[in-house]
């Protein structure tokens, strides 16, 4: 057996190997033994950096967040910031479908995910939401993005013949009875195939909802500069003088 080569292990190096393993061999390939074999080290060396597989999965998820936010800068408008950040995270996870199946449902509790949460919260606060609403909507948007990425990833992982069958679904819908399904008949020519992701459409619907819910901010209206106050003239009411006369004298 050839001697193992000396490798200066680091968490970054291990996570890179994990991503390569998962993308080439699927989620089941992520084992400490496979990682050690890929890096040319004993599997026990990996345990010095990650205590268990769950720790590895969370680090893998954080790598996708890091990839998503590389070069990110907030937009001029808070909705533009949300849109850009959401699209970046979606593309990073959907672009690594094998890893997304493992990682999309996890909270990493690491730096890159924390940065992503801060970006979304800051945009929502700029939109005028108070902290309780900003926290709730950040969670909803984050889950929305990751759920779509996981959905797309699970479709990509289906056997080719299954994907081909699903891709023909619109043709089946279009062949249904017009009398029984009149709305389906009129919309059938416009039904997108399942192979064409609809995340951007779903995201726009979500953002429209947020814009509707956003409270009006001072920056949304033209500033009003108070001018000098001129008191309105006061017209005195006419005074009717009481008649002056002689008091009646009693008769005695």
Foldseek 3Di string as FASTA:
>chain_A
DDQFDDDPDDLVVLLVLQLVQCLVPFPVSDDLCNSCVVRRHHSVVVCVHPVDVVLSLLSNLLVLLVQLCVVDDADPALLSLLLSSLVSSLCSLLVSLRSLLSHLVDDSPDDSSVVSLVSQLVSLVVLVDDVVVSVVLSVVSSNLSSVLSNVSSVLVPDPPVVNVVQQCVLVVQCPDDCVVPVVSVVCSVVDHGPNDRPSSVVSVVSSVVSNVVRDDDPVNDDDDDDDDDDDDDDDDDDDDDDDDDDDDDDDD
